[in-house]
Amino acid sequence: MRFLVFQHIAIEHPGIFRDFFAADGIQWDAVELDEGEAIPSLDGYDALWVMGGPMDVWEETEHPWLKAEKQAIREWVKERGKPYMGLCLGHQLLGSALGGKVGKMEKPEVGILDIDLTEAGRSDPLFAGIGTPFQALQWHGAAVLEAPDGAVILASSPVCANQAMRIGDLAYGLQCHTELTAKTVGEWGEIPAYACALDETLGTGALAKLDAEATNKMPIFARDSRRLYDNFMGLLKLRS
């Protein structure tokens, strides 16, 4: 069993999901697109995971590899109909690649915040065992403003109507971050784009407080991440 992972900055990797991959014996290949690594043939992979990053989906002039990435996502989801999990930028790329509209929000959404499952989300297998509202880390200034045709909205927040969506039966995008480890907030706070969004939203010096809050809630985050992962694997019948 092998997963393909698209990364856009080295410190935004599958996080806690790496432990789950290892426990299930899943081999995974990370492609660091921002460092110029080429997308391999999609043949032979069982699922595609697309992580977050500080760039925006429309910045194709600054990051030309975004075009190839979107094409690969279209091929994977639309033509091959295979399992997809996108987190934050990966969620937005799913929306953009399949014809939705992604744009800037009026104000970044940053912090550990409530997310409400929609009626469709409460009955979707991916969220089985996840209460509503649930909390997760948000750290984004763009959003999927218009979902692709046929997308089912699974979750929302007061300032972001599309917090999670499903396209077809096997492609999921989550705007929030469910991959957290104990190091995540501190590491991301060193990224200039993320630090600016944090200061703009929560005020200068908010990093230490956010890090402490995330550390305090890590057992809950880990529990929910485990449920999401188990649901994803069970739904897709990918357990070995």
C-alpha atoms as a PDB file:
ATOM      1  CA  MET A   1       0.000   0.000   0.000  1.00  0.00           C
ATOM      2  CA  ARG A   2       1.485   3.357  -1.012  1.00  0.00           C
ATOM      3  CA  PHE A   3       0.354   6.967  -0.651  1.00  0.00           C
ATOM      4  CA  LEU A   4       1.553   9.988  -2.622  1.00  0.00           C
ATOM      5  CA  VAL A   5       1.913  13.220  -0.628  1.00  0.00           C
ATOM      6  CA  PHE A   6       2.237  16.697  -2.162  1.00  0.00           C
ATOM      7  CA  GLN A   7       4.044  19.140   0.149  1.00  0.00           C
ATOM      8  CA  HIS A   8       4.549  22.880  -0.359  1.00  0.00           C
ATOM      9  CA  ILE A   9       6.960  23.633   2.489  1.00  0.00           C
ATOM     10  CA  ALA A  10       9.016  21.083   4.378  1.00  0.00           C
ATOM     11  CA  ILE A  11       7.441  21.664   7.802  1.00  0.00           C
ATOM     12  CA  GLU A  12       3.888  21.139   6.500  1.00  0.00           C
ATOM     13  CA  HIS A  13       3.925  17.369   6.282  1.00  0.00           C
ATOM     14  CA  PRO A  14       1.319  14.774   7.325  1.00  0.00           C
ATOM     15  CA  GLY A  15       2.195  15.365  10.981  1.00  0.00           C
ATOM     16  CA  ILE A  16       0.501  12.933  13.340  1.00  0.00           C
ATOM     17  CA  PHE A  17      -0.797  10.947  10.370  1.00  0.00           C
ATOM     18  CA  ARG A  18       2.777   9.770   9.784  1.00  0.00           C
ATOM     19  CA  ASP A  19       2.449   7.664  12.933  1.00  0.00           C
ATOM     20  CA  PHE A  20      -0.795   6.166  11.645  1.00  0.00           C
ATOM     21  CA  PHE A  21       0.755   5.433   8.247  1.00  0.00           C
ATOM     22  CA  ALA A  22       3.639   3.650   9.943  1.00  0.00           C
ATOM     23  CA  ALA A  23       1.348   1.573  12.154  1.00  0.00           C
ATOM     24  CA  ASP A  24      -0.584   0.441   9.071  1.00  0.00           C
ATOM     25  CA  GLY A  25       2.565  -0.321   7.109  1.00  0.00           C
ATOM     26  CA  ILE A  26       1.772   2.330   4.509  1.00  0.00           C
ATOM     27  CA  GLN A  27       4.672   3.487   2.381  1.00  0.00           C
ATOM     28  CA  TRP A  28       4.405   7.140   1.386  1.00  0.00           C
ATOM     29  CA  ASP A  29       6.339   9.293  -1.026  1.00  0.00           C
ATOM     30  CA  ALA A  30       6.536  13.023  -0.368  1.00  0.00           C
ATOM     31  CA  VAL A  31       7.000  15.374  -3.314  1.00  0.00           C
ATOM     32  CA  GLU A  32       8.352  18.763  -2.173  1.00  0.00           C
ATOM     33  CA  LEU A  33       6.901  20.852  -4.982  1.00  0.00           C
ATOM     34  CA  ASP A  34       8.279  24.169  -3.714  1.00  0.00           C
ATOM     35  CA  GLU A  35      11.786  22.761  -4.011  1.00  0.00           C
ATOM     36  CA  GLY A  36      11.326  21.807  -7.639  1.00  0.00           C
ATOM     37  CA  GLU A  37      10.653  18.096  -7.201  1.00  0.00           C
ATOM     38  CA  ALA A  38       8.701  16.634 -10.103  1.00  0.00           C
ATOM     39  CA  ILE A  39       5.358  14.898  -9.744  1.00  0.00           C
ATOM     40  CA  PRO A  40       5.880  11.202 -10.481  1.00  0.00           C
ATOM     41  CA  SER A  41       3.572   8.921 -12.410  1.00  0.00           C
ATOM     42  CA  LEU A  42       0.352   8.511 -10.464  1.00  0.00           C
ATOM     43  CA  ASP A  43       0.266   4.804 -11.218  1.00  0.00           C
ATOM     44  CA  GLY A  44       0.785   2.523  -8.266  1.00  0.00           C
ATOM     45  CA  TYR A  45      -0.530   4.850  -5.573  1.00  0.00           C
ATOM     46  CA  ASP A  46      -3.605   4.108  -3.447  1.00  0.00           C
ATOM     47  CA  ALA A  47      -4.352   7.624  -2.150  1.00  0.00           C
ATOM     48  CA  LEU A  48      -3.203  11.203  -2.681  1.00  0.00           C
ATOM     49  CA  TRP A  49      -2.735  13.518   0.309  1.00  0.00           C
ATOM     50  CA  VAL A  50      -2.128  17.221  -0.341  1.00  0.00           C
ATOM     51  CA  MET A  51      -0.851  19.344   2.522  1.00  0.00           C
ATOM     52  CA  GLY A  52      -0.857  23.044   3.362  1.00  0.00           C
ATOM     53  CA  GLY A  53       1.551  25.820   2.449  1.00  0.00           C
ATOM     54  CA  PRO A  54       2.094  29.586   2.584  1.00  0.00           C
ATOM     55  CA  MET A  55       1.327  30.225  -1.091  1.00  0.00           C
ATOM     56  CA  ASP A  56      -2.091  30.764  -2.682  1.00  0.00           C
ATOM     57  CA  VAL A  57      -3.638  28.638  -5.415  1.00  0.00           C
ATOM     58  CA  TRP A  58      -3.727  31.517  -7.913  1.00  0.00           C
ATOM     59  CA  GLU A  59      -0.008  32.378  -7.606  1.00  0.00           C
ATOM     60  CA  GLU A  60       0.990  30.412 -10.698  1.00  0.00           C
ATOM     61  CA  THR A  61       3.416  33.091 -11.895  1.00  0.00           C
ATOM     62  CA  GLU A  62       5.358  32.946  -8.644  1.00  0.00           C
ATOM     63  CA  HIS A  63       4.980  29.167  -8.339  1.00  0.00           C
ATOM     64  CA  PRO A  64       4.651  27.649 -11.847  1.00  0.00           C
ATOM     65  CA  TRP A  65       4.460  24.111 -10.427  1.00  0.00           C
ATOM     66  CA  LEU A  66       0.933  24.899  -9.212  1.00  0.00           C
ATOM     67  CA  LYS A  67      -0.329  24.288 -12.763  1.00  0.00           C
ATOM     68  CA  ALA A  68       1.083  20.771 -12.857  1.00  0.00           C
ATOM     69  CA  GLU A  69      -0.186  20.088  -9.366  1.00  0.00           C
ATOM     70  CA  LYS A  70      -3.735  21.107 -10.239  1.00  0.00           C
ATOM     71  CA  GLN A  71      -3.607  18.964 -13.368  1.00  0.00           C
ATOM     72  CA  ALA A  72      -2.465  15.993 -11.296  1.00  0.00           C
ATOM     73  CA  ILE A  73      -5.295  16.571  -8.820  1.00  0.00           C
ATOM     74  CA  ARG A  74      -7.830  16.761 -11.657  1.00  0.00           C
ATOM     75  CA  GLU A  75      -6.525  13.552 -13.131  1.00  0.00           C
ATOM     76  CA  TRP A  76      -6.516  11.801  -9.753  1.00  0.00           C
ATOM     77  CA  VAL A  77      -9.981  12.858  -8.630  1.00  0.00           C
ATOM     78  CA  LYS A  78     -11.952  13.432 -11.811  1.00  0.00           C
ATOM     79  CA  GLU A  79     -10.448  10.961 -14.259  1.00  0.00           C
ATOM     80  CA  ARG A  80      -9.238   8.190 -11.959  1.00  0.00           C
ATOM     81  CA  GLY A  81     -11.819   8.658  -9.183  1.00  0.00           C
ATOM     82  CA  LYS A  82      -9.301   7.712  -6.502  1.00  0.00           C
ATOM     83  CA  PRO A  83      -9.047   8.609  -2.779  1.00  0.00           C
ATOM     84  CA  TYR A  84      -7.935  12.153  -1.963  1.00  0.00           C
ATOM     85  CA  MET A  85      -7.360  14.010   1.289  1.00  0.00           C
ATOM     86  CA  GLY A  86      -6.504  17.720   1.169  1.00  0.00           C
ATOM     87  CA  LEU A  87      -5.732  19.862   4.191  1.00  0.00           C
ATOM     88  CA  CYS A  88      -5.848  23.685   4.132  1.00  0.00           C
ATOM     89  CA  LEU A  89      -4.070  24.554   0.861  1.00  0.00           C
ATOM     90  CA  GLY A  90      -4.782  20.984  -0.243  1.00  0.00           C
ATOM     91  CA  HIS A  91      -8.486  21.666   0.312  1.00  0.00           C
ATOM     92  CA  GLN A  92      -8.276  24.890  -1.703  1.00  0.00           C
ATOM     93  CA  LEU A  93      -6.345  23.180  -4.490  1.00  0.00           C
ATOM     94  CA  LEU A  94      -9.063  20.552  -4.750  1.00  0.00           C
ATOM     95  CA  GLY A  95     -11.612  23.325  -5.114  1.00  0.00           C
ATOM     96  CA  SER A  96      -9.584  25.258  -7.673  1.00  0.00           C
ATOM     97  CA  ALA A  97      -8.518  22.238  -9.723  1.00  0.00           C
ATOM     98  CA  LEU A  98     -12.102  21.061 -10.177  1.00  0.00           C
ATOM     99  CA  GLY A  99     -13.555  24.417 -11.185  1.00  0.00           C
ATOM    100  CA  GLY A 100     -14.442  26.122  -7.913  1.00  0.00           C
ATOM    101  CA  LYS A 101     -13.459  29.637  -6.864  1.00  0.00           C
ATOM    102  CA  VAL A 102     -10.775  30.290  -4.253  1.00  0.00           C
ATOM    103  CA  GLY A 103     -10.090  33.794  -2.978  1.00  0.00           C
ATOM    104  CA  LYS A 104      -8.973  35.945  -0.088  1.00  0.00           C
ATOM    105  CA  MET A 105     -11.109  36.195   3.025  1.00  0.00           C
ATOM    106  CA  GLU A 106     -11.894  39.594   4.526  1.00  0.00           C
ATOM    107  CA  LYS A 107      -9.727  38.640   7.496  1.00  0.00           C
ATOM    108  CA  PRO A 108      -7.566  35.555   8.133  1.00  0.00           C
ATOM    109  CA  GLU A 109      -9.083  32.805  10.258  1.00  0.00           C
ATOM    110  CA  VAL A 110      -6.448  31.882  12.827  1.00  0.00           C
ATOM    111  CA  GLY A 111      -6.709  30.098  16.154  1.00  0.00           C
ATOM    112  CA  ILE A 112      -8.246  27.061  17.757  1.00  0.00           C
ATOM    113  CA  LEU A 113     -11.862  27.527  16.789  1.00  0.00           C
ATOM    114  CA  ASP A 114     -15.204  25.769  16.577  1.00  0.00           C
ATOM    115  CA  ILE A 115     -16.283  24.009  13.402  1.00  0.00           C
ATOM    116  CA  ASP A 116     -19.861  22.899  12.816  1.00  0.00           C
ATOM    117  CA  LEU A 117     -20.763  19.859  10.772  1.00  0.00           C
ATOM    118  CA  THR A 118     -23.546  20.403   8.266  1.00  0.00           C
ATOM    119  CA  GLU A 119     -26.435  17.964   8.015  1.00  0.00           C
ATOM    120  CA  ALA A 120     -24.516  16.190   5.266  1.00  0.00           C
ATOM    121  CA  GLY A 121     -21.377  16.189   7.407  1.00  0.00           C
ATOM    122  CA  ARG A 122     -23.143  14.632  10.377  1.00  0.00           C
ATOM    123  CA  SER A 123     -24.077  11.660   8.220  1.00  0.00           C
ATOM    124  CA  ASP A 124     -20.827  11.416   6.239  1.00  0.00           C
ATOM    125  CA  PRO A 125     -18.667   8.397   7.093  1.00  0.00           C
ATOM    126  CA  LEU A 126     -15.524  10.548   7.343  1.00  0.00           C
ATOM    127  CA  PHE A 127     -16.902  12.316  10.415  1.00  0.00           C
ATOM    128  CA  ALA A 128     -18.368   9.298  12.197  1.00  0.00           C
ATOM    129  CA  GLY A 129     -17.635   9.671  15.904  1.00  0.00           C
ATOM    130  CA  ILE A 130     -16.708  13.350  15.584  1.00  0.00           C
ATOM    131  CA  GLY A 131     -18.982  15.601  17.631  1.00  0.00           C
ATOM    132  CA  THR A 132     -20.319  18.933  16.459  1.00  0.00           C
ATOM    133  CA  PRO A 133     -19.089  21.468  16.992  1.00  0.00           C
ATOM    134  CA  PHE A 134     -15.522  20.218  17.186  1.00  0.00           C
ATOM    135  CA  GLN A 135     -12.376  22.272  17.541  1.00  0.00           C
ATOM    136  CA  ALA A 136      -9.333  22.391  15.275  1.00  0.00           C
ATOM    137  CA  LEU A 137      -6.505  24.717  14.370  1.00  0.00           C
ATOM    138  CA  GLN A 138      -7.279  27.288  11.684  1.00  0.00           C
ATOM    139  CA  TRP A 139      -4.504  29.248   9.995  1.00  0.00           C
ATOM    140  CA  HIS A 140      -5.562  30.576   6.595  1.00  0.00           C
ATOM    141  CA  GLY A 141      -6.327  33.792   4.762  1.00  0.00           C
ATOM    142  CA  ALA A 142      -7.956  32.264   1.671  1.00  0.00           C
ATOM    143  CA  ALA A 143     -10.957  30.000   1.317  1.00  0.00           C
ATOM    144  CA  VAL A 144     -13.007  28.046  -1.205  1.00  0.00           C
ATOM    145  CA  LEU A 145     -15.580  30.758  -1.896  1.00  0.00           C
ATOM    146  CA  GLU A 146     -17.490  28.722  -4.479  1.00  0.00           C
ATOM    147  CA  ALA A 147     -17.317  24.931  -4.355  1.00  0.00           C
ATOM    148  CA  PRO A 148     -16.938  22.910  -7.556  1.00  0.00           C
ATOM    149  CA  ASP A 149     -20.085  21.552  -9.179  1.00  0.00           C
ATOM    150  CA  GLY A 150     -21.317  18.491  -7.344  1.00  0.00           C
ATOM    151  CA  ALA A 151     -19.340  19.144  -4.154  1.00  0.00           C
ATOM    152  CA  VAL A 152     -21.070  18.377  -0.849  1.00  0.00           C
ATOM    153  CA  ILE A 153     -20.299  20.831   1.964  1.00  0.00           C
ATOM    154  CA  LEU A 154     -19.646  18.897   5.160  1.00  0.00           C
ATOM    155  CA  ALA A 155     -18.628  21.583   7.665  1.00  0.00           C
ATOM    156  CA  SER A 156     -18.581  25.342   8.189  1.00  0.00           C
ATOM    157  CA  SER A 157     -17.478  28.033  10.613  1.00  0.00           C
ATOM    158  CA  PRO A 158     -18.881  31.520  11.251  1.00  0.00           C
ATOM    159  CA  VAL A 159     -16.425  33.134   8.821  1.00  0.00           C
ATOM    160  CA  CYS A 160     -15.770  30.263   6.382  1.00  0.00           C
ATOM    161  CA  ALA A 161     -18.759  28.522   4.861  1.00  0.00           C
ATOM    162  CA  ASN A 162     -16.726  25.688   3.344  1.00  0.00           C
ATOM    163  CA  GLN A 163     -14.650  24.072   6.086  1.00  0.00           C
ATOM    164  CA  ALA A 164     -14.904  20.614   4.567  1.00  0.00           C
ATOM    165  CA  MET A 165     -16.260  19.154   1.358  1.00  0.00           C
ATOM    166  CA  ARG A 166     -16.565  15.880  -0.456  1.00  0.00           C
ATOM    167  CA  ILE A 167     -16.398  15.458  -4.210  1.00  0.00           C
ATOM    168  CA  GLY A 168     -17.713  12.157  -5.452  1.00  0.00           C
ATOM    169  CA  ASP A 169     -17.369   9.339  -2.960  1.00  0.00           C
ATOM    170  CA  LEU A 170     -13.640   9.408  -2.280  1.00  0.00           C
ATOM    171  CA  ALA A 171     -12.240  12.964  -2.454  1.00  0.00           C
ATOM    172  CA  TYR A 172     -12.220  15.077   0.703  1.00  0.00           C
ATOM    173  CA  GLY A 173     -10.935  18.538   1.508  1.00  0.00           C
ATOM    174  CA  LEU A 174     -10.633  20.000   5.015  1.00  0.00           C
ATOM    175  CA  GLN A 175      -9.816  23.679   5.500  1.00  0.00           C
ATOM    176  CA  CYS A 176      -8.763  23.126   9.114  1.00  0.00           C
ATOM    177  CA  HIS A 177      -5.600  21.416  10.295  1.00  0.00           C
ATOM    178  CA  THR A 178      -6.050  17.950  11.769  1.00  0.00           C
ATOM    179  CA  GLU A 179      -2.424  16.843  11.380  1.00  0.00           C
ATOM    180  CA  LEU A 180      -1.094  18.659  14.459  1.00  0.00           C
ATOM    181  CA  THR A 181       1.785  17.457  16.589  1.00  0.00           C
ATOM    182  CA  ALA A 182       3.255  19.108  19.673  1.00  0.00           C
ATOM    183  CA  LYS A 183       5.743  20.968  17.430  1.00  0.00           C
ATOM    184  CA  THR A 184       3.347  22.264  14.799  1.00  0.00           C
ATOM    185  CA  VAL A 185       2.312  25.689  16.105  1.00  0.00           C
ATOM    186  CA  GLY A 186       5.814  26.697  17.127  1.00  0.00           C
ATOM    187  CA  GLU A 187       7.284  25.669  13.782  1.00  0.00           C
ATOM    188  CA  TRP A 188       4.587  27.369  11.739  1.00  0.00           C
ATOM    189  CA  GLY A 189       4.963  30.562  13.750  1.00  0.00           C
ATOM    190  CA  GLU A 190       8.424  30.942  12.190  1.00  0.00           C
ATOM    191  CA  ILE A 191       6.980  31.193   8.671  1.00  0.00           C
ATOM    192  CA  PRO A 192       6.683  34.938   7.848  1.00  0.00           C
ATOM    193  CA  ALA A 193       3.328  34.648   6.050  1.00  0.00           C
ATOM    194  CA  TYR A 194       1.831  32.680   8.930  1.00  0.00           C
ATOM    195  CA  ALA A 195       3.317  34.973  11.572  1.00  0.00           C
ATOM    196  CA  CYS A 196       1.762  38.008   9.851  1.00  0.00           C
ATOM    197  CA  ALA A 197      -1.664  36.354   9.701  1.00  0.00           C
ATOM    198  CA  LEU A 198      -1.372  35.404  13.371  1.00  0.00           C
ATOM    199  CA  ASP A 199      -0.433  38.918  14.485  1.00  0.00           C
ATOM    200  CA  GLU A 200      -3.114  40.483  12.290  1.00  0.00           C
ATOM    201  CA  THR A 201      -5.827  38.251  13.688  1.00  0.00           C
ATOM    202  CA  LEU A 202      -4.881  37.637  17.305  1.00  0.00           C
ATOM    203  CA  GLY A 203      -2.470  40.484  18.027  1.00  0.00           C
ATOM    204  CA  THR A 204       1.286  40.750  18.357  1.00  0.00           C
ATOM    205  CA  GLY A 205       2.773  38.149  20.659  1.00  0.00           C
ATOM    206  CA  ALA A 206      -0.118  35.682  20.310  1.00  0.00           C
ATOM    207  CA  LEU A 207       2.099  32.785  19.245  1.00  0.00           C
ATOM    208  CA  ALA A 208       3.040  31.669  22.757  1.00  0.00           C
ATOM    209  CA  LYS A 209      -0.589  31.672  23.870  1.00  0.00           C
ATOM    210  CA  LEU A 210      -1.730  29.731  20.797  1.00  0.00           C
ATOM    211  CA  ASP A 211       1.065  27.210  21.274  1.00  0.00           C
ATOM    212  CA  ALA A 212       0.094  26.683  24.906  1.00  0.00           C
ATOM    213  CA  GLU A 213      -3.573  26.257  24.001  1.00  0.00           C
ATOM    214  CA  ALA A 214      -2.717  23.735  21.301  1.00  0.00           C
ATOM    215  CA  THR A 215      -0.495  21.794  23.694  1.00  0.00           C
ATOM    216  CA  ASN A 216      -3.275  21.683  26.276  1.00  0.00           C
ATOM    217  CA  LYS A 217      -5.764  20.342  23.736  1.00  0.00           C
ATOM    218  CA  MET A 218      -3.407  17.958  21.970  1.00  0.00           C
ATOM    219  CA  PRO A 219      -5.011  14.797  23.439  1.00  0.00           C
ATOM    220  CA  ILE A 220      -8.381  15.837  21.979  1.00  0.00           C
ATOM    221  CA  PHE A 221      -6.816  16.736  18.632  1.00  0.00           C
ATOM    222  CA  ALA A 222      -4.988  13.401  18.515  1.00  0.00           C
ATOM    223  CA  ARG A 223      -8.203  11.529  19.294  1.00  0.00           C
ATOM    224  CA  ASP A 224     -10.121  13.293  16.525  1.00  0.00           C
ATOM    225  CA  SER A 225      -7.255  12.850  14.055  1.00  0.00           C
ATOM    226  CA  ARG A 226      -7.227   9.136  14.793  1.00  0.00           C
ATOM    227  CA  ARG A 227     -10.969   8.921  14.176  1.00  0.00           C
ATOM    228  CA  LEU A 228     -10.737  10.819  10.905  1.00  0.00           C
ATOM    229  CA  TYR A 229      -7.906   8.605   9.741  1.00  0.00           C
ATOM    230  CA  ASP A 230      -9.660   5.390  10.721  1.00  0.00           C
ATOM    231  CA  ASN A 231     -12.835   6.584   9.009  1.00  0.00           C
ATOM    232  CA  PHE A 232     -10.902   7.492   5.857  1.00  0.00           C
ATOM    233  CA  MET A 233      -9.197   4.121   5.741  1.00  0.00           C
ATOM    234  CA  GLY A 234     -12.344   2.189   6.544  1.00  0.00           C
ATOM    235  CA  LEU A 235     -14.420   4.077   4.011  1.00  0.00           C
ATOM    236  CA  LEU A 236     -11.878   3.441   1.299  1.00  0.00           C
ATOM    237  CA  LYS A 237     -11.251  -0.153   2.346  1.00  0.00           C
ATOM    238  CA  LEU A 238      -7.523   0.506   2.247  1.00  0.00           C
ATOM    239  CA  ARG A 239      -6.517  -1.368   5.380  1.00  0.00           C
ATOM    240  CA  SER A 240      -4.003  -4.104   4.726  1.00  0.00           C
END
